[in-house]
C-alpha atoms as a PDB file:
ATOM      1  CA  MET A   1     157.102 119.167 180.387  1.00  0.00           C
ATOM      2  CA  SER A   2     157.213 119.661 176.639  1.00  0.00           C
ATOM      3  CA  THR A   3     159.439 117.629 174.354  1.00  0.00           C
ATOM      4  CA  ASN A   4     161.888 119.645 172.307  1.00  0.00           C
ATOM      5  CA  SER A   5     162.631 117.935 168.994  1.00  0.00           C
ATOM      6  CA  THR A   6     165.987 119.739 168.712  1.00  0.00           C
ATOM      7  CA  LEU A   7     167.565 118.224 171.820  1.00  0.00           C
ATOM      8  CA  PRO A   8     170.783 116.299 171.255  1.00  0.00           C
ATOM      9  CA  CYS A   9     170.508 112.636 172.147  1.00  0.00           C
ATOM     10  CA  ILE A  10     172.517 110.859 174.819  1.00  0.00           C
ATOM     11  CA  GLU A  11     175.161 108.484 173.506  1.00  0.00           C
ATOM     12  CA  TRP A  12     175.789 105.708 176.010  1.00  0.00           C
ATOM     13  CA  ARG A  13     179.426 104.724 176.407  1.00  0.00           C
ATOM     14  CA  ILE A  14     179.124 102.028 179.059  1.00  0.00           C
ATOM     15  CA  ARG A  15     180.609  99.321 176.810  1.00  0.00           C
ATOM     16  CA  VAL A  16     183.559 101.602 176.028  1.00  0.00           C
ATOM     17  CA  ALA A  17     184.120 102.239 179.751  1.00  0.00           C
ATOM     18  CA  MET A  18     183.857  98.497 180.423  1.00  0.00           C
ATOM     19  CA  ALA A  19     186.445  97.705 177.740  1.00  0.00           C
ATOM     20  CA  GLU A  20     188.829 100.401 178.982  1.00  0.00           C
ATOM     21  CA  ARG A  21     188.660  98.821 182.450  1.00  0.00           C
ATOM     22  CA  ASN A  22     188.902  95.216 181.251  1.00  0.00           C
ATOM     23  CA  VAL A  23     185.344  94.306 182.295  1.00  0.00           C
ATOM     24  CA  LYS A  24     184.612  91.870 179.498  1.00  0.00           C
ATOM     25  CA  THR A  25     180.991  90.867 180.057  1.00  0.00           C
ATOM     26  CA  VAL A  26     177.732  92.245 181.351  1.00  0.00           C
ATOM     27  CA  THR A  27     177.625  89.252 183.717  1.00  0.00           C
ATOM     28  CA  GLU A  28     180.928  90.360 185.262  1.00  0.00           C
ATOM     29  CA  LEU A  29     179.643  93.933 185.573  1.00  0.00           C
ATOM     30  CA  ASN A  30     176.459  92.607 187.183  1.00  0.00           C
ATOM     31  CA  ARG A  31     178.451  90.543 189.732  1.00  0.00           C
ATOM     32  CA  ARG A  32     180.327  93.669 190.747  1.00  0.00           C
ATOM     33  CA  LEU A  33     177.099  95.661 190.994  1.00  0.00           C
ATOM     34  CA  ASP A  34     175.606  92.908 193.142  1.00  0.00           C
ATOM     35  CA  ARG A  35     178.554  93.201 195.566  1.00  0.00           C
ATOM     36  CA  LEU A  36     177.660  96.896 195.909  1.00  0.00           C
ATOM     37  CA  GLY A  37     174.039  96.006 196.656  1.00  0.00           C
ATOM     38  CA  VAL A  38     172.717  97.091 193.254  1.00  0.00           C
ATOM     39  CA  LYS A  39     170.255  94.413 192.130  1.00  0.00           C
ATOM     40  CA  ILE A  40     169.407  94.149 188.431  1.00  0.00           C
ATOM     41  CA  SER A  41     168.852  91.237 186.059  1.00  0.00           C
ATOM     42  CA  ASN A  42     171.435  90.441 183.396  1.00  0.00           C
ATOM     43  CA  THR A  43     168.768  90.968 180.719  1.00  0.00           C
ATOM     44  CA  GLN A  44     167.907  94.428 182.002  1.00  0.00           C
ATOM     45  CA  LEU A  45     171.579  95.364 182.435  1.00  0.00           C
ATOM     46  CA  ASN A  46     172.294  94.181 178.890  1.00  0.00           C
ATOM     47  CA  ARG A  47     169.599  96.529 177.579  1.00  0.00           C
ATOM     48  CA  ILE A  48     171.089  99.412 179.558  1.00  0.00           C
ATOM     49  CA  VAL A  49     174.644  98.678 178.403  1.00  0.00           C
ATOM     50  CA  ASP A  50     173.459  98.545 174.792  1.00  0.00           C
ATOM     51  CA  GLY A  51     171.710 101.902 175.259  1.00  0.00           C
ATOM     52  CA  GLY A  52     168.204 100.650 174.662  1.00  0.00           C
ATOM     53  CA  GLN A  53     166.639 101.123 178.085  1.00  0.00           C
ATOM     54  CA  ARG A  54     166.215 103.868 180.650  1.00  0.00           C
ATOM     55  CA  ILE A  55     168.512 103.673 183.643  1.00  0.00           C
ATOM     56  CA  SER A  56     167.844 104.473 187.285  1.00  0.00           C
ATOM     57  CA  ALA A  57     170.132 106.830 189.164  1.00  0.00           C
ATOM     58  CA  ASP A  58     171.118 104.002 191.540  1.00  0.00           C
ATOM     59  CA  VAL A  59     172.191 101.705 188.700  1.00  0.00           C
ATOM     60  CA  LEU A  60     174.053 104.543 186.940  1.00  0.00           C
ATOM     61  CA  ALA A  61     175.867 105.443 190.169  1.00  0.00           C
ATOM     62  CA  GLY A  62     176.668 101.773 190.787  1.00  0.00           C
ATOM     63  CA  ILE A  63     178.156 101.368 187.306  1.00  0.00           C
ATOM     64  CA  ALA A  64     180.287 104.484 187.848  1.00  0.00           C
ATOM     65  CA  VAL A  65     181.575 103.082 191.165  1.00  0.00           C
ATOM     66  CA  VAL A  66     182.248  99.603 189.748  1.00  0.00           C
ATOM     67  CA  LEU A  67     184.090 101.010 186.723  1.00  0.00           C
ATOM     68  CA  ASP A  68     185.811 103.696 188.844  1.00  0.00           C
ATOM     69  CA  CYS A  69     184.759 106.481 186.517  1.00  0.00           C
ATOM     70  CA  GLU A  70     182.632 109.603 186.347  1.00  0.00           C
ATOM     71  CA  ILE A  71     179.070 109.705 185.026  1.00  0.00           C
ATOM     72  CA  GLY A  72     180.387 111.707 182.049  1.00  0.00           C
ATOM     73  CA  ASP A  73     182.581 108.746 181.095  1.00  0.00           C
ATOM     74  CA  LEU A  74     179.440 106.633 180.682  1.00  0.00           C
ATOM     75  CA  MET A  75     177.468 108.995 178.460  1.00  0.00           C
ATOM     76  CA  ARG A  76     177.796 112.084 176.333  1.00  0.00           C
ATOM     77  CA  LEU A  77     175.591 114.308 174.250  1.00  0.00           C
ATOM     78  CA  SER A  78     175.584 113.343 170.601  1.00  0.00           C
ATOM     79  CA  ARG A  79     175.610 115.837 167.758  1.00  0.00           C
ATOM     80  CA  GLY A  80     172.694 113.925 166.230  1.00  0.00           C
ATOM     81  CA  MET A  81     169.284 115.210 167.182  1.00  0.00           C
ATOM     82  CA  HIS A  82     166.814 113.442 169.430  1.00  0.00           C
ATOM     83  CA  ARG A  83     163.238 113.354 168.186  1.00  0.00           C
ATOM     84  CA  GLY A  84     161.747 112.947 171.641  1.00  0.00           C
ATOM     85  CA  ALA A  85     159.499 110.149 172.882  1.00  0.00           C
ATOM     86  CA  ALA A  86     156.311 112.110 172.297  1.00  0.00           C
ATOM     87  CA  ASN A  87     157.183 112.500 168.623  1.00  0.00           C
ATOM     88  CA  ASP A  88     158.606 109.015 168.093  1.00  0.00           C
ATOM     89  CA  PRO A  89     156.070 106.752 166.358  1.00  0.00           C
ATOM     90  CA  GLN A  90     158.023 103.658 167.495  1.00  0.00           C
ATOM     91  CA  LYS A  91     157.402 104.395 171.195  1.00  0.00           C
END
């Protein structure tokens, strides 16, 4: 699969969705995920919530269930352009 340097990037909106649903901390979100059977460390979940780490489909689905929202409420395409991992010297 080739990397297209003109792809829009994904803007994560998990913190926004949390705030709109009065989920104040990542620890609280993680407790709710745990009740669903989704196991993830607070550190890893923090990275996901802050948009700095890849997310598994199970964790994404769990967050959508916990926050009672759609996947599209948790992310959107940004007008800014994504350089792509293959072209990113920081990766």
